[in-house]
């Protein structure tokens, strides 16, 4: 009884992933994400400028202790997310794409 339900659920998830991946960016598209690259680059650079411009205030709050100790961690997550998205779009816009050829050789036991 559980196995057919799991199969149906797995089929629905697979169909949705296929639909979403083809609906967002078609595979045959030669579209380069320059707008997103520039936007994320400006946002990333702006965040660094703000952090260095208001470094004294950031240090004041980051070193207070208690719940304020979460602020540097959250800031690092935000910086990492924005900067890595910028880097991914930049590499994609320039033409570097990940290889989809995952060839695995059988191992002999």
PDB file of N, CA and C in Angstrom:
ATOM      1  N   UNK A   1       0.814  -1.182   0.000  1.00  0.00           N
ATOM      2  CA  UNK A   1       0.000   0.000   0.000  1.00  0.00           C
ATOM      3  C   UNK A   1       0.868   1.261   0.000  1.00  0.00           C
ATOM      4  N   UNK A   2       1.966   1.222   0.688  1.00  0.00           N
ATOM      5  CA  UNK A   2       2.824   2.393   0.753  1.00  0.00           C
ATOM      6  C   UNK A   2       3.647   2.527  -0.537  1.00  0.00           C
ATOM      7  N   UNK A   3       4.073   1.406  -1.107  1.00  0.00           N
ATOM      8  CA  UNK A   3       4.924   1.474  -2.297  1.00  0.00           C
ATOM      9  C   UNK A   3       4.247   2.164  -3.482  1.00  0.00           C
ATOM     10  N   UNK A   4       2.984   1.867  -3.804  1.00  0.00           N
ATOM     11  CA  UNK A   4       2.355   2.605  -4.909  1.00  0.00           C
ATOM     12  C   UNK A   4       2.265   4.111  -4.632  1.00  0.00           C
ATOM     13  N   UNK A   5       2.024   4.471  -3.383  1.00  0.00           N
ATOM     14  CA  UNK A   5       1.941   5.893  -3.039  1.00  0.00           C
ATOM     15  C   UNK A   5       3.297   6.559  -3.220  1.00  0.00           C
ATOM     16  N   UNK A   6       4.351   5.867  -2.829  1.00  0.00           N
ATOM     17  CA  UNK A   6       5.698   6.417  -2.986  1.00  0.00           C
ATOM     18  C   UNK A   6       6.035   6.555  -4.465  1.00  0.00           C
ATOM     19  N   UNK A   7       5.647   5.562  -5.266  1.00  0.00           N
ATOM     20  CA  UNK A   7       5.906   5.644  -6.709  1.00  0.00           C
ATOM     21  C   UNK A   7       5.169   6.815  -7.336  1.00  0.00           C
ATOM     22  N   UNK A   8       3.897   7.003  -6.947  1.00  0.00           N
ATOM     23  CA  UNK A   8       3.127   8.123  -7.494  1.00  0.00           C
ATOM     24  C   UNK A   8       3.756   9.448  -7.086  1.00  0.00           C
ATOM     25  N   UNK A   9       4.159   9.551  -5.823  1.00  0.00           N
ATOM     26  CA  UNK A   9       4.782  10.775  -5.344  1.00  0.00           C
ATOM     27  C   UNK A   9       6.096  11.039  -6.065  1.00  0.00           C
ATOM     28  N   UNK A  10       6.907  10.017  -6.255  1.00  0.00           N
ATOM     29  CA  UNK A  10       8.168  10.180  -6.961  1.00  0.00           C
ATOM     30  C   UNK A  10       7.931  10.590  -8.413  1.00  0.00           C
ATOM     31  N   UNK A  11       6.872  10.061  -9.037  1.00  0.00           N
ATOM     32  CA  UNK A  11       6.546  10.440 -10.415  1.00  0.00           C
ATOM     33  C   UNK A  11       6.127  11.908 -10.486  1.00  0.00           C
ATOM     34  N   UNK A  12       5.318  12.361  -9.520  1.00  0.00           N
ATOM     35  CA  UNK A  12       4.874  13.751  -9.491  1.00  0.00           C
ATOM     36  C   UNK A  12       6.061  14.684  -9.286  1.00  0.00           C
ATOM     37  N   UNK A  13       6.961  14.328  -8.372  1.00  0.00           N
ATOM     38  CA  UNK A  13       8.134  15.168  -8.108  1.00  0.00           C
ATOM     39  C   UNK A  13       9.008  15.248  -9.351  1.00  0.00           C
ATOM     40  N   UNK A  14       9.218  14.122 -10.027  1.00  0.00           N
ATOM     41  CA  UNK A  14      10.033  14.111 -11.235  1.00  0.00           C
ATOM     42  C   UNK A  14       9.403  14.964 -12.325  1.00  0.00           C
ATOM     43  N   UNK A  15       8.083  14.859 -12.508  1.00  0.00           N
ATOM     44  CA  UNK A  15       7.404  15.657 -13.529  1.00  0.00           C
ATOM     45  C   UNK A  15       7.501  17.144 -13.205  1.00  0.00           C
ATOM     46  N   UNK A  16       7.370  17.504 -11.944  1.00  0.00           N
ATOM     47  CA  UNK A  16       7.448  18.919 -11.576  1.00  0.00           C
ATOM     48  C   UNK A  16       8.854  19.469 -11.778  1.00  0.00           C
ATOM     49  N   UNK A  17       9.866  18.681 -11.446  1.00  0.00           N
ATOM     50  CA  UNK A  17      11.236  19.142 -11.657  1.00  0.00           C
ATOM     51  C   UNK A  17      11.486  19.379 -13.142  1.00  0.00           C
ATOM     52  N   UNK A  18      11.017  18.451 -13.990  1.00  0.00           N
ATOM     53  CA  UNK A  18      11.190  18.609 -15.428  1.00  0.00           C
ATOM     54  C   UNK A  18      10.458  19.840 -15.915  1.00  0.00           C
ATOM     55  N   UNK A  19       9.232  20.051 -15.453  1.00  0.00           N
ATOM     56  CA  UNK A  19       8.446  21.205 -15.867  1.00  0.00           C
ATOM     57  C   UNK A  19       9.111  22.506 -15.454  1.00  0.00           C
ATOM     58  N   UNK A  20       9.565  22.579 -14.208  1.00  0.00           N
ATOM     59  CA  UNK A  20      10.183  23.797 -13.712  1.00  0.00           C
ATOM     60  C   UNK A  20      11.480  24.081 -14.450  1.00  0.00           C
ATOM     61  N   UNK A  21      12.302  23.070 -14.656  1.00  0.00           N
ATOM     62  CA  UNK A  21      13.589  23.309 -15.304  1.00  0.00           C
ATOM     63  C   UNK A  21      13.424  23.734 -16.752  1.00  0.00           C
ATOM     64  N   UNK A  22      12.405  23.241 -17.444  1.00  0.00           N
ATOM     65  CA  UNK A  22      12.208  23.660 -18.831  1.00  0.00           C
ATOM     66  C   UNK A  22      11.430  24.950 -18.926  1.00  0.00           C
ATOM     67  N   UNK A  23      10.620  25.265 -17.913  1.00  0.00           N
ATOM     68  CA  UNK A  23       9.821  26.485 -17.973  1.00  0.00           C
ATOM     69  C   UNK A  23      10.651  27.713 -17.640  1.00  0.00           C
ATOM     70  N   UNK A  24      11.614  27.578 -16.765  1.00  0.00           N
ATOM     71  CA  UNK A  24      12.391  28.732 -16.341  1.00  0.00           C
ATOM     72  C   UNK A  24      13.391  29.134 -17.430  1.00  0.00           C
ATOM     73  N   UNK A  25      14.260  28.222 -17.837  1.00  0.00           N
ATOM     74  CA  UNK A  25      15.251  28.515 -18.862  1.00  0.00           C
ATOM     75  C   UNK A  25      15.267  27.349 -19.848  1.00  0.00           C
ATOM     76  N   UNK A  26      14.819  27.572 -21.064  1.00  0.00           N
ATOM     77  CA  UNK A  26      14.877  26.500 -22.058  1.00  0.00           C
ATOM     78  C   UNK A  26      16.319  26.102 -22.336  1.00  0.00           C
ATOM     79  N   UNK A  27      16.533  24.811 -22.610  1.00  0.00           N
ATOM     80  CA  UNK A  27      17.892  24.319 -22.814  1.00  0.00           C
ATOM     81  C   UNK A  27      18.509  24.870 -24.089  1.00  0.00           C
ATOM     82  N   UNK A  28      17.703  25.148 -25.104  1.00  0.00           N
ATOM     83  CA  UNK A  28      18.245  25.616 -26.373  1.00  0.00           C
ATOM     84  C   UNK A  28      18.471  27.122 -26.396  1.00  0.00           C
ATOM     85  N   UNK A  29      18.226  27.782 -25.290  1.00  0.00           N
ATOM     86  CA  UNK A  29      18.347  29.235 -25.244  1.00  0.00           C
ATOM     87  C   UNK A  29      19.811  29.659 -25.191  1.00  0.00           C
ATOM     88  N   UNK A  30      20.129  30.708 -25.946  1.00  0.00           N
ATOM     89  CA  UNK A  30      21.478  31.283 -25.910  1.00  0.00           C
ATOM     90  C   UNK A  30      21.485  32.550 -25.076  1.00  0.00           C
ATOM     91  N   UNK A  31      20.532  32.683 -24.200  1.00  0.00           N
ATOM     92  CA  UNK A  31      20.376  33.877 -23.379  1.00  0.00           C
ATOM     93  C   UNK A  31      21.519  33.970 -22.377  1.00  0.00           C
ATOM     94  N   UNK A  32      22.153  35.117 -22.332  1.00  0.00           N
ATOM     95  CA  UNK A  32      23.225  35.363 -21.360  1.00  0.00           C
ATOM     96  C   UNK A  32      22.670  36.231 -20.237  1.00  0.00           C
ATOM     97  N   UNK A  33      22.887  35.836 -18.995  1.00  0.00           N
ATOM     98  CA  UNK A  33      22.292  36.561 -17.860  1.00  0.00           C
ATOM     99  C   UNK A  33      23.072  37.810 -17.458  1.00  0.00           C
ATOM    100  N   UNK A  34      23.280  38.746 -18.393  1.00  0.00           N
ATOM    101  CA  UNK A  34      24.067  39.934 -18.089  1.00  0.00           C
ATOM    102  C   UNK A  34      23.377  40.848 -17.089  1.00  0.00           C
ATOM    103  N   UNK A  35      22.046  40.991 -17.177  1.00  0.00           N
ATOM    104  CA  UNK A  35      21.339  41.894 -16.263  1.00  0.00           C
ATOM    105  C   UNK A  35      21.465  41.416 -14.818  1.00  0.00           C
ATOM    106  N   UNK A  36      21.262  40.116 -14.604  1.00  0.00           N
ATOM    107  CA  UNK A  36      21.393  39.567 -13.247  1.00  0.00           C
ATOM    108  C   UNK A  36      22.831  39.672 -12.754  1.00  0.00           C
ATOM    109  N   UNK A  37      23.770  39.467 -13.662  1.00  0.00           N
ATOM    110  CA  UNK A  37      25.183  39.561 -13.293  1.00  0.00           C
ATOM    111  C   UNK A  37      25.522  40.966 -12.822  1.00  0.00           C
ATOM    112  N   UNK A  38      25.091  41.961 -13.588  1.00  0.00           N
ATOM    113  CA  UNK A  38      25.384  43.350 -13.219  1.00  0.00           C
ATOM    114  C   UNK A  38      24.675  43.724 -11.926  1.00  0.00           C
ATOM    115  N   UNK A  39      23.409  43.329 -11.793  1.00  0.00           N
ATOM    116  CA  UNK A  39      22.654  43.640 -10.575  1.00  0.00           C
ATOM    117  C   UNK A  39      23.312  43.027  -9.340  1.00  0.00           C
ATOM    118  N   UNK A  40      23.667  41.755  -9.412  1.00  0.00           N
ATOM    119  CA  UNK A  40      24.284  41.100  -8.265  1.00  0.00           C
ATOM    120  C   UNK A  40      25.696  41.629  -8.004  1.00  0.00           C
ATOM    121  N   UNK A  41      26.409  42.019  -9.046  1.00  0.00           N
ATOM    122  CA  UNK A  41      27.732  42.612  -8.864  1.00  0.00           C
ATOM    123  C   UNK A  41      27.650  43.946  -8.146  1.00  0.00           C
ATOM    124  N   UNK A  42      26.687  44.774  -8.555  1.00  0.00           N
ATOM    125  CA  UNK A  42      26.504  46.063  -7.883  1.00  0.00           C
ATOM    126  C   UNK A  42      26.055  45.856  -6.439  1.00  0.00           C
ATOM    127  N   UNK A  43      25.143  44.907  -6.227  1.00  0.00           N
ATOM    128  CA  UNK A  43      24.669  44.616  -4.871  1.00  0.00           C
ATOM    129  C   UNK A  43      25.806  44.097  -3.994  1.00  0.00           C
ATOM    130  N   UNK A  44      26.606  43.202  -4.528  1.00  0.00           N
ATOM    131  CA  UNK A  44      27.728  42.657  -3.763  1.00  0.00           C
ATOM    132  C   UNK A  44      28.745  43.754  -3.433  1.00  0.00           C
ATOM    133  N   UNK A  45      29.098  44.547  -4.420  1.00  0.00           N
ATOM    134  CA  UNK A  45      30.038  45.641  -4.180  1.00  0.00           C
ATOM    135  C   UNK A  45      29.485  46.658  -3.198  1.00  0.00           C
ATOM    136  N   UNK A  46      28.188  46.967  -3.319  1.00  0.00           N
ATOM    137  CA  UNK A  46      27.547  47.907  -2.393  1.00  0.00           C
ATOM    138  C   UNK A  46      27.550  47.405  -0.968  1.00  0.00           C
ATOM    139  N   UNK A  47      27.347  46.098  -0.803  1.00  0.00           N
ATOM    140  CA  UNK A  47      27.367  45.535   0.549  1.00  0.00           C
ATOM    141  C   UNK A  47      28.752  45.669   1.167  1.00  0.00           C
ATOM    142  N   UNK A  48      29.793  45.426   0.374  1.00  0.00           N
ATOM    143  CA  UNK A  48      31.153  45.581   0.893  1.00  0.00           C
ATOM    144  C   UNK A  48      31.456  47.042   1.235  1.00  0.00           C
ATOM    145  N   UNK A  49      31.021  47.953   0.380  1.00  0.00           N
ATOM    146  CA  UNK A  49      31.244  49.374   0.650  1.00  0.00           C
ATOM    147  C   UNK A  49      30.546  49.779   1.942  1.00  0.00           C
ATOM    148  N   UNK A  50      29.296  49.342   2.116  1.00  0.00           N
ATOM    149  CA  UNK A  50      28.567  49.676   3.345  1.00  0.00           C
ATOM    150  C   UNK A  50      29.228  49.085   4.584  1.00  0.00           C
ATOM    151  N   UNK A  51      29.686  47.848   4.466  1.00  0.00           N
ATOM    152  CA  UNK A  51      30.332  47.216   5.616  1.00  0.00           C
ATOM    153  C   UNK A  51      31.602  47.961   6.007  1.00  0.00           C
ATOM    154  N   UNK A  52      32.402  48.363   5.014  1.00  0.00           N
ATOM    155  CA  UNK A  52      33.639  49.085   5.341  1.00  0.00           C
ATOM    156  C   UNK A  52      33.362  50.519   5.766  1.00  0.00           C
ATOM    157  N   UNK A  53      32.326  51.131   5.209  1.00  0.00           N
ATOM    158  CA  UNK A  53      32.002  52.513   5.582  1.00  0.00           C
ATOM    159  C   UNK A  53      31.470  52.587   7.004  1.00  0.00           C
ATOM    160  N   UNK A  54      30.706  51.590   7.390  1.00  0.00           N
ATOM    161  CA  UNK A  54      30.122  51.558   8.736  1.00  0.00           C
ATOM    162  C   UNK A  54      30.749  50.442   9.571  1.00  0.00           C
ATOM    163  N   UNK A  55      32.044  50.264   9.412  1.00  0.00           N
ATOM    164  CA  UNK A  55      32.756  49.205  10.124  1.00  0.00           C
ATOM    165  C   UNK A  55      32.739  49.375  11.633  1.00  0.00           C
ATOM    166  N   UNK A  56      32.811  50.626  12.099  1.00  0.00           N
ATOM    167  CA  UNK A  56      32.795  50.865  13.545  1.00  0.00           C
ATOM    168  C   UNK A  56      31.457  50.450  14.148  1.00  0.00           C
ATOM    169  N   UNK A  57      30.363  50.785  13.461  1.00  0.00           N
ATOM    170  CA  UNK A  57      29.044  50.410  13.956  1.00  0.00           C
ATOM    171  C   UNK A  57      28.868  48.888  13.905  1.00  0.00           C
ATOM    172  N   UNK A  58      29.349  48.265  12.840  1.00  0.00           N
ATOM    173  CA  UNK A  58      29.254  46.809  12.732  1.00  0.00           C
ATOM    174  C   UNK A  58      30.037  46.142  13.858  1.00  0.00           C
ATOM    175  N   UNK A  59      31.230  46.637  14.124  1.00  0.00           N
ATOM    176  CA  UNK A  59      32.040  46.072  15.200  1.00  0.00           C
ATOM    177  C   UNK A  59      31.354  46.250  16.548  1.00  0.00           C
ATOM    178  N   UNK A  60      30.738  47.394  16.760  1.00  0.00           N
ATOM    179  CA  UNK A  60      30.042  47.670  18.010  1.00  0.00           C
ATOM    180  C   UNK A  60      28.935  46.642  18.265  1.00  0.00           C
ATOM    181  N   UNK A  61      28.129  46.369  17.230  1.00  0.00           N
ATOM    182  CA  UNK A  61      27.020  45.426  17.402  1.00  0.00           C
ATOM    183  C   UNK A  61      27.472  43.970  17.372  1.00  0.00           C
ATOM    184  N   UNK A  62      28.473  43.666  16.547  1.00  0.00           N
ATOM    185  CA  UNK A  62      28.924  42.278  16.426  1.00  0.00           C
ATOM    186  C   UNK A  62      29.612  41.781  17.690  1.00  0.00           C
ATOM    187  N   UNK A  63      30.144  42.696  18.501  1.00  0.00           N
ATOM    188  CA  UNK A  63      30.889  42.281  19.688  1.00  0.00           C
ATOM    189  C   UNK A  63      30.104  42.446  20.987  1.00  0.00           C
ATOM    190  N   UNK A  64      28.827  42.707  20.904  1.00  0.00           N
ATOM    191  CA  UNK A  64      28.024  42.894  22.115  1.00  0.00           C
ATOM    192  C   UNK A  64      27.778  41.594  22.880  1.00  0.00           C
ATOM    193  N   UNK A  65      27.763  40.480  22.190  1.00  0.00           N
ATOM    194  CA  UNK A  65      27.465  39.219  22.853  1.00  0.00           C
ATOM    195  C   UNK A  65      25.982  38.932  22.836  1.00  0.00           C
ATOM    196  N   UNK A  66      25.559  37.915  23.588  1.00  0.00           N
ATOM    197  CA  UNK A  66      24.161  37.497  23.662  1.00  0.00           C
ATOM    198  C   UNK A  66      23.654  37.167  22.256  1.00  0.00           C
ATOM    199  N   UNK A  67      22.469  37.626  21.919  1.00  0.00           N
ATOM    200  CA  UNK A  67      21.876  37.334  20.608  1.00  0.00           C
ATOM    201  C   UNK A  67      22.569  38.108  19.484  1.00  0.00           C
ATOM    202  N   UNK A  68      23.310  39.135  19.820  1.00  0.00           N
ATOM    203  CA  UNK A  68      24.032  39.887  18.801  1.00  0.00           C
ATOM    204  C   UNK A  68      25.143  39.051  18.151  1.00  0.00           C
ATOM    205  N   UNK A  69      25.501  37.959  18.791  1.00  0.00           N
ATOM    206  CA  UNK A  69      26.526  37.075  18.235  1.00  0.00           C
ATOM    207  C   UNK A  69      26.056  36.419  16.936  1.00  0.00           C
ATOM    208  N   UNK A  70      24.760  36.401  16.697  1.00  0.00           N
ATOM    209  CA  UNK A  70      24.217  35.842  15.448  1.00  0.00           C
ATOM    210  C   UNK A  70      24.406  36.793  14.265  1.00  0.00           C
ATOM    211  N   UNK A  71      24.617  38.053  14.517  1.00  0.00           N
ATOM    212  CA  UNK A  71      24.749  39.041  13.440  1.00  0.00           C
ATOM    213  C   UNK A  71      25.938  38.777  12.505  1.00  0.00           C
ATOM    214  N   UNK A  72      27.138  38.483  13.011  1.00  0.00           N
ATOM    215  CA  UNK A  72      28.226  38.209  12.069  1.00  0.00           C
ATOM    216  C   UNK A  72      27.973  36.965  11.229  1.00  0.00           C
ATOM    217  N   UNK A  73      27.341  35.973  11.832  1.00  0.00           N
ATOM    218  CA  UNK A  73      27.041  34.740  11.103  1.00  0.00           C
ATOM    219  C   UNK A  73      26.025  35.015  10.005  1.00  0.00           C
ATOM    220  N   UNK A  74      24.963  35.756  10.335  1.00  0.00           N
ATOM    221  CA  UNK A  74      23.951  36.105   9.337  1.00  0.00           C
ATOM    222  C   UNK A  74      24.550  36.968   8.235  1.00  0.00           C
ATOM    223  N   UNK A  75      25.414  37.899   8.625  1.00  0.00           N
ATOM    224  CA  UNK A  75      26.071  38.748   7.629  1.00  0.00           C
ATOM    225  C   UNK A  75      26.937  37.921   6.693  1.00  0.00           C
ATOM    226  N   UNK A  76      27.657  36.963   7.236  1.00  0.00           N
ATOM    227  CA  UNK A  76      28.492  36.096   6.401  1.00  0.00           C
ATOM    228  C   UNK A  76      27.636  35.281   5.438  1.00  0.00           C
ATOM    229  N   UNK A  77      26.494  34.773   5.902  1.00  0.00           N
ATOM    230  CA  UNK A  77      25.602  34.020   5.019  1.00  0.00           C
ATOM    231  C   UNK A  77      25.077  34.891   3.887  1.00  0.00           C
ATOM    232  N   UNK A  78      24.673  36.114   4.195  1.00  0.00           N
ATOM    233  CA  UNK A  78      24.141  37.015   3.167  1.00  0.00           C
ATOM    234  C   UNK A  78      25.236  37.363   2.158  1.00  0.00           C
ATOM    235  N   UNK A  79      26.421  37.707   2.638  1.00  0.00           N
ATOM    236  CA  UNK A  79      27.521  38.031   1.738  1.00  0.00           C
ATOM    237  C   UNK A  79      27.874  36.833   0.864  1.00  0.00           C
ATOM    238  N   UNK A  80      27.925  35.655   1.453  1.00  0.00           N
ATOM    239  CA  UNK A  80      28.258  34.447   0.701  1.00  0.00           C
ATOM    240  C   UNK A  80      27.219  34.172  -0.371  1.00  0.00           C
ATOM    241  N   UNK A  81      25.948  34.295  -0.029  1.00  0.00           N
ATOM    242  CA  UNK A  81      24.886  34.018  -0.984  1.00  0.00           C
ATOM    243  C   UNK A  81      24.932  34.987  -2.161  1.00  0.00           C
ATOM    244  N   UNK A  82      25.022  36.270  -1.873  1.00  0.00           N
ATOM    245  CA  UNK A  82      25.015  37.277  -2.943  1.00  0.00           C
ATOM    246  C   UNK A  82      26.269  37.162  -3.804  1.00  0.00           C
ATOM    247  N   UNK A  83      27.419  37.024  -3.168  1.00  0.00           N
ATOM    248  CA  UNK A  83      28.671  36.967  -3.931  1.00  0.00           C
ATOM    249  C   UNK A  83      28.747  35.690  -4.767  1.00  0.00           C
ATOM    250  N   UNK A  84      28.303  34.549  -4.231  1.00  0.00           N
ATOM    251  CA  UNK A  84      28.358  33.314  -5.012  1.00  0.00           C
ATOM    252  C   UNK A  84      27.346  33.336  -6.152  1.00  0.00           C
ATOM    253  N   UNK A  85      26.185  33.948  -5.956  1.00  0.00           N
ATOM    254  CA  UNK A  85      25.227  34.090  -7.059  1.00  0.00           C
ATOM    255  C   UNK A  85      25.822  34.969  -8.153  1.00  0.00           C
ATOM    256  N   UNK A  86      26.479  36.057  -7.767  1.00  0.00           N
ATOM    257  CA  UNK A  86      27.147  36.926  -8.736  1.00  0.00           C
ATOM    258  C   UNK A  86      28.211  36.145  -9.511  1.00  0.00           C
ATOM    259  N   UNK A  87      29.025  35.380  -8.808  1.00  0.00           N
ATOM    260  CA  UNK A  87      30.089  34.626  -9.470  1.00  0.00           C
ATOM    261  C   UNK A  87      29.512  33.576 -10.420  1.00  0.00           C
ATOM    262  N   UNK A  88      28.441  32.916 -10.029  1.00  0.00           N
ATOM    263  CA  UNK A  88      27.822  31.899 -10.883  1.00  0.00           C
ATOM    264  C   UNK A  88      27.256  32.526 -12.153  1.00  0.00           C
ATOM    265  N   UNK A  89      26.554  33.654 -12.009  1.00  0.00           N
ATOM    266  CA  UNK A  89      26.007  34.325 -13.185  1.00  0.00           C
ATOM    267  C   UNK A  89      27.118  34.891 -14.066  1.00  0.00           C
ATOM    268  N   UNK A  90      28.180  35.380 -13.465  1.00  0.00           N
ATOM    269  CA  UNK A  90      29.293  35.912 -14.243  1.00  0.00           C
ATOM    270  C   UNK A  90      29.930  34.806 -15.083  1.00  0.00           C
ATOM    271  N   UNK A  91      30.192  33.669 -14.477  1.00  0.00           N
ATOM    272  CA  UNK A  91      30.776  32.558 -15.221  1.00  0.00           C
ATOM    273  C   UNK A  91      29.847  32.071 -16.323  1.00  0.00           C
ATOM    274  N   UNK A  92      28.555  32.049 -16.040  1.00  0.00           N
ATOM    275  CA  UNK A  92      27.579  31.642 -17.046  1.00  0.00           C
ATOM    276  C   UNK A  92      27.515  32.650 -18.186  1.00  0.00           C
ATOM    277  N   UNK A  93      27.557  33.928 -17.880  1.00  0.00           N
ATOM    278  CA  UNK A  93      27.489  34.968 -18.909  1.00  0.00           C
ATOM    279  C   UNK A  93      28.744  34.968 -19.781  1.00  0.00           C
ATOM    280  N   UNK A  94      29.883  34.664 -19.190  1.00  0.00           N
ATOM    281  CA  UNK A  94      31.131  34.640 -19.941  1.00  0.00           C
ATOM    282  C   UNK A  94      31.214  33.396 -20.819  1.00  0.00           C
ATOM    283  N   UNK A  95      30.512  32.340 -20.413  1.00  0.00           N
ATOM    284  CA  UNK A  95      30.480  31.137 -21.245  1.00  0.00           C
ATOM    285  C   UNK A  95      30.979  29.881 -20.585  1.00  0.00           C
ATOM    286  N   UNK A  96      31.343  29.942 -19.340  1.00  0.00           N
ATOM    287  CA  UNK A  96      31.774  28.741 -18.627  1.00  0.00           C
ATOM    288  C   UNK A  96      30.551  28.034 -18.083  1.00  0.00           C
ATOM    289  N   UNK A  97      30.332  26.808 -18.517  1.00  0.00           N
ATOM    290  CA  UNK A  97      29.202  26.017 -18.045  1.00  0.00           C
ATOM    291  C   UNK A  97      29.715  24.708 -17.465  1.00  0.00           C
ATOM    292  N   UNK A  98      28.964  24.170 -16.539  1.00  0.00           N
ATOM    293  CA  UNK A  98      29.338  22.897 -15.932  1.00  0.00           C
ATOM    294  C   UNK A  98      29.116  21.771 -16.938  1.00  0.00           C
ATOM    295  N   UNK A  99      29.973  20.801 -16.898  1.00  0.00           N
ATOM    296  CA  UNK A  99      29.843  19.655 -17.784  1.00  0.00           C
ATOM    297  C   UNK A  99      28.773  18.719 -17.256  1.00  0.00           C
ATOM    298  N   UNK A 100      27.953  18.200 -18.142  1.00  0.00           N
ATOM    299  CA  UNK A 100      26.912  17.259 -17.738  1.00  0.00           C
ATOM    300  C   UNK A 100      27.317  15.818 -18.004  1.00  0.00           C
ATOM    301  N   UNK A 101      28.542  15.594 -18.415  1.00  0.00           N
ATOM    302  CA  UNK A 101      29.024  14.246 -18.706  1.00  0.00           C
ATOM    303  C   UNK A 101      29.572  13.616 -17.442  1.00  0.00           C
ATOM    304  N   UNK A 102      28.781  12.810 -16.823  1.00  0.00           N
ATOM    305  CA  UNK A 102      29.203  12.122 -15.605  1.00  0.00           C
ATOM    306  C   UNK A 102      29.424  10.658 -15.950  1.00  0.00           C
ATOM    307  N   UNK A 103      30.599  10.361 -16.444  1.00  0.00           N
ATOM    308  CA  UNK A 103      30.917   8.990 -16.812  1.00  0.00           C
ATOM    309  C   UNK A 103      31.569   8.304 -15.630  1.00  0.00           C
ATOM    310  N   UNK A 104      30.971   7.234 -15.214  1.00  0.00           N
ATOM    311  CA  UNK A 104      31.544   6.463 -14.121  1.00  0.00           C
ATOM    312  C   UNK A 104      31.925   5.098 -14.662  1.00  0.00           C
ATOM    313  N   UNK A 105      33.115   4.692 -14.327  1.00  0.00           N
ATOM    314  CA  UNK A 105      33.571   3.388 -14.755  1.00  0.00           C
ATOM    315  C   UNK A 105      33.208   2.364 -13.702  1.00  0.00           C
ATOM    316  N   UNK A 106      32.766   1.195 -14.154  1.00  0.00           N
ATOM    317  CA  UNK A 106      32.412   0.166 -13.160  1.00  0.00           C
ATOM    318  C   UNK A 106      33.636  -0.287 -12.389  1.00  0.00           C
ATOM    319  N   UNK A 107      33.446  -0.472 -11.112  1.00  0.00           N
ATOM    320  CA  UNK A 107      34.536  -0.952 -10.277  1.00  0.00           C
ATOM    321  C   UNK A 107      34.441  -2.453 -10.128  1.00  0.00           C
ATOM    322  N   UNK A 108      35.575  -3.062 -10.092  1.00  0.00           N
ATOM    323  CA  UNK A 108      35.612  -4.511  -9.926  1.00  0.00           C
ATOM    324  C   UNK A 108      35.893  -4.833  -8.474  1.00  0.00           C
ATOM    325  N   UNK A 109      35.011  -5.589  -7.895  1.00  0.00           N
ATOM    326  CA  UNK A 109      35.176  -5.966  -6.483  1.00  0.00           C
ATOM    327  C   UNK A 109      35.785  -7.318  -6.350  1.00  0.00           C
TER     328      UNK A 109
END
